[in-house]
Amino acid sequence: MKKTNILNGAIKNLYPINYLNESHFTNPVQKKTISEFGELKKLNNRIYKWNLTDSEIEKLKSTKLIELNLTE
């Protein structure tokens, strides 16, 4: 059984500034959801910075928990 953690795509919680790795983009539904909210910037070949507003965080938590693989 595969362990759920940030190295295999899980997101622990949502913050105004989130750091993601390549595993967060392997699930097409999660990748699409991430691309539809906030501002995503690639920092280097492994890490992305994902900025969210408070209202985006609220909306994501209330409607997209499964799509984001959120483990809160």
C-alpha atoms as a PDB file:
ATOM      1  CA  MET A   1       0.000   0.000   0.000  1.00  0.00           C
ATOM      2  CA  LYS A   2       1.346   3.405  -0.994  1.00  0.00           C
ATOM      3  CA  LYS A   3       1.807   5.846   1.872  1.00  0.00           C
ATOM      4  CA  THR A   4       0.066   9.197   1.454  1.00  0.00           C
ATOM      5  CA  ASN A   5       2.537  12.047   1.915  1.00  0.00           C
ATOM      6  CA  ILE A   6       3.803  15.130   0.134  1.00  0.00           C
ATOM      7  CA  LEU A   7       6.365  13.131  -1.844  1.00  0.00           C
ATOM      8  CA  ASN A   8       3.602  11.245  -3.634  1.00  0.00           C
ATOM      9  CA  GLY A   9       1.206  14.102  -4.292  1.00  0.00           C
ATOM     10  CA  ALA A  10      -0.637  14.759  -1.043  1.00  0.00           C
ATOM     11  CA  ILE A  11      -1.130  18.345   0.104  1.00  0.00           C
ATOM     12  CA  LYS A  12      -1.180  18.649   3.900  1.00  0.00           C
ATOM     13  CA  ASN A  13      -2.992  21.978   4.074  1.00  0.00           C
ATOM     14  CA  LEU A  14      -3.486  25.148   2.044  1.00  0.00           C
ATOM     15  CA  TYR A  15      -1.658  28.365   2.884  1.00  0.00           C
ATOM     16  CA  PRO A  16      -1.205  31.745   1.179  1.00  0.00           C
ATOM     17  CA  ILE A  17       2.204  30.410   0.005  1.00  0.00           C
ATOM     18  CA  ASN A  18       2.521  26.701  -0.823  1.00  0.00           C
ATOM     19  CA  TYR A  19       5.564  24.824  -2.094  1.00  0.00           C
ATOM     20  CA  LEU A  20       4.839  21.907  -4.398  1.00  0.00           C
ATOM     21  CA  ASN A  21       7.028  19.272  -6.028  1.00  0.00           C
ATOM     22  CA  GLU A  22       6.668  17.305  -9.271  1.00  0.00           C
ATOM     23  CA  SER A  23       4.537  14.627  -7.564  1.00  0.00           C
ATOM     24  CA  HIS A  24       1.720  17.163  -7.149  1.00  0.00           C
ATOM     25  CA  PHE A  25       1.362  17.286 -10.939  1.00  0.00           C
ATOM     26  CA  THR A  26       1.243  13.535 -11.705  1.00  0.00           C
ATOM     27  CA  ASN A  27      -2.518  13.297 -11.064  1.00  0.00           C
ATOM     28  CA  PRO A  28      -4.271  15.067 -13.991  1.00  0.00           C
ATOM     29  CA  VAL A  29      -7.273  16.153 -11.878  1.00  0.00           C
ATOM     30  CA  GLN A  30      -5.034  17.622  -9.160  1.00  0.00           C
ATOM     31  CA  LYS A  31      -2.834  19.316 -11.784  1.00  0.00           C
ATOM     32  CA  LYS A  32      -5.891  20.915 -13.410  1.00  0.00           C
ATOM     33  CA  THR A  33      -7.236  22.158 -10.067  1.00  0.00           C
ATOM     34  CA  ILE A  34      -3.872  23.668  -9.108  1.00  0.00           C
ATOM     35  CA  SER A  35      -3.650  25.437 -12.466  1.00  0.00           C
ATOM     36  CA  GLU A  36      -7.142  26.963 -12.072  1.00  0.00           C
ATOM     37  CA  PHE A  37      -6.447  28.746  -8.773  1.00  0.00           C
ATOM     38  CA  GLY A  38      -3.847  31.195  -7.566  1.00  0.00           C
ATOM     39  CA  GLU A  39      -0.497  31.948  -9.102  1.00  0.00           C
ATOM     40  CA  LEU A  40       1.944  29.134  -9.861  1.00  0.00           C
ATOM     41  CA  LYS A  41       5.640  29.802 -10.398  1.00  0.00           C
ATOM     42  CA  LYS A  42       8.368  27.258 -11.094  1.00  0.00           C
ATOM     43  CA  LEU A  43      11.314  28.014  -8.793  1.00  0.00           C
ATOM     44  CA  ASN A  44      13.682  25.337 -10.098  1.00  0.00           C
ATOM     45  CA  ASN A  45      13.509  21.936 -11.762  1.00  0.00           C
ATOM     46  CA  ARG A  46      11.847  20.344  -8.695  1.00  0.00           C
ATOM     47  CA  ILE A  47       9.946  23.000  -6.716  1.00  0.00           C
ATOM     48  CA  TYR A  48       6.957  25.221  -7.506  1.00  0.00           C
ATOM     49  CA  LYS A  49       5.576  28.118  -5.486  1.00  0.00           C
ATOM     50  CA  TRP A  50       1.773  28.314  -5.454  1.00  0.00           C
ATOM     51  CA  ASN A  51       0.290  31.559  -4.071  1.00  0.00           C
ATOM     52  CA  LEU A  52      -3.367  31.611  -3.020  1.00  0.00           C
ATOM     53  CA  THR A  53      -5.647  34.345  -1.708  1.00  0.00           C
ATOM     54  CA  ASP A  54      -7.732  33.746   1.420  1.00  0.00           C
ATOM     55  CA  SER A  55     -10.883  33.446  -0.683  1.00  0.00           C
ATOM     56  CA  GLU A  56      -9.228  30.886  -2.978  1.00  0.00           C
ATOM     57  CA  ILE A  57      -8.172  28.848   0.051  1.00  0.00           C
ATOM     58  CA  GLU A  58     -11.740  28.898   1.390  1.00  0.00           C
ATOM     59  CA  LYS A  59     -13.183  27.883  -1.962  1.00  0.00           C
ATOM     60  CA  LEU A  60     -10.665  25.079  -2.472  1.00  0.00           C
ATOM     61  CA  LYS A  61     -11.243  23.705   1.025  1.00  0.00           C
ATOM     62  CA  SER A  62     -15.006  23.733   0.585  1.00  0.00           C
ATOM     63  CA  THR A  63     -15.171  22.310  -2.940  1.00  0.00           C
ATOM     64  CA  LYS A  64     -11.903  20.646  -4.032  1.00  0.00           C
ATOM     65  CA  LEU A  65     -10.574  18.529  -1.129  1.00  0.00           C
ATOM     66  CA  ILE A  66     -10.626  15.262  -3.085  1.00  0.00           C
ATOM     67  CA  GLU A  67      -9.248  16.776  -6.303  1.00  0.00           C
ATOM     68  CA  LEU A  68      -6.315  18.250  -4.378  1.00  0.00           C
ATOM     69  CA  ASN A  69      -5.582  15.067  -2.406  1.00  0.00           C
ATOM     70  CA  LEU A  70      -5.739  17.258   0.712  1.00  0.00           C
ATOM     71  CA  THR A  71      -4.795  15.376   3.886  1.00  0.00           C
ATOM     72  CA  GLU A  72      -5.659  18.146   6.353  1.00  0.00           C
END
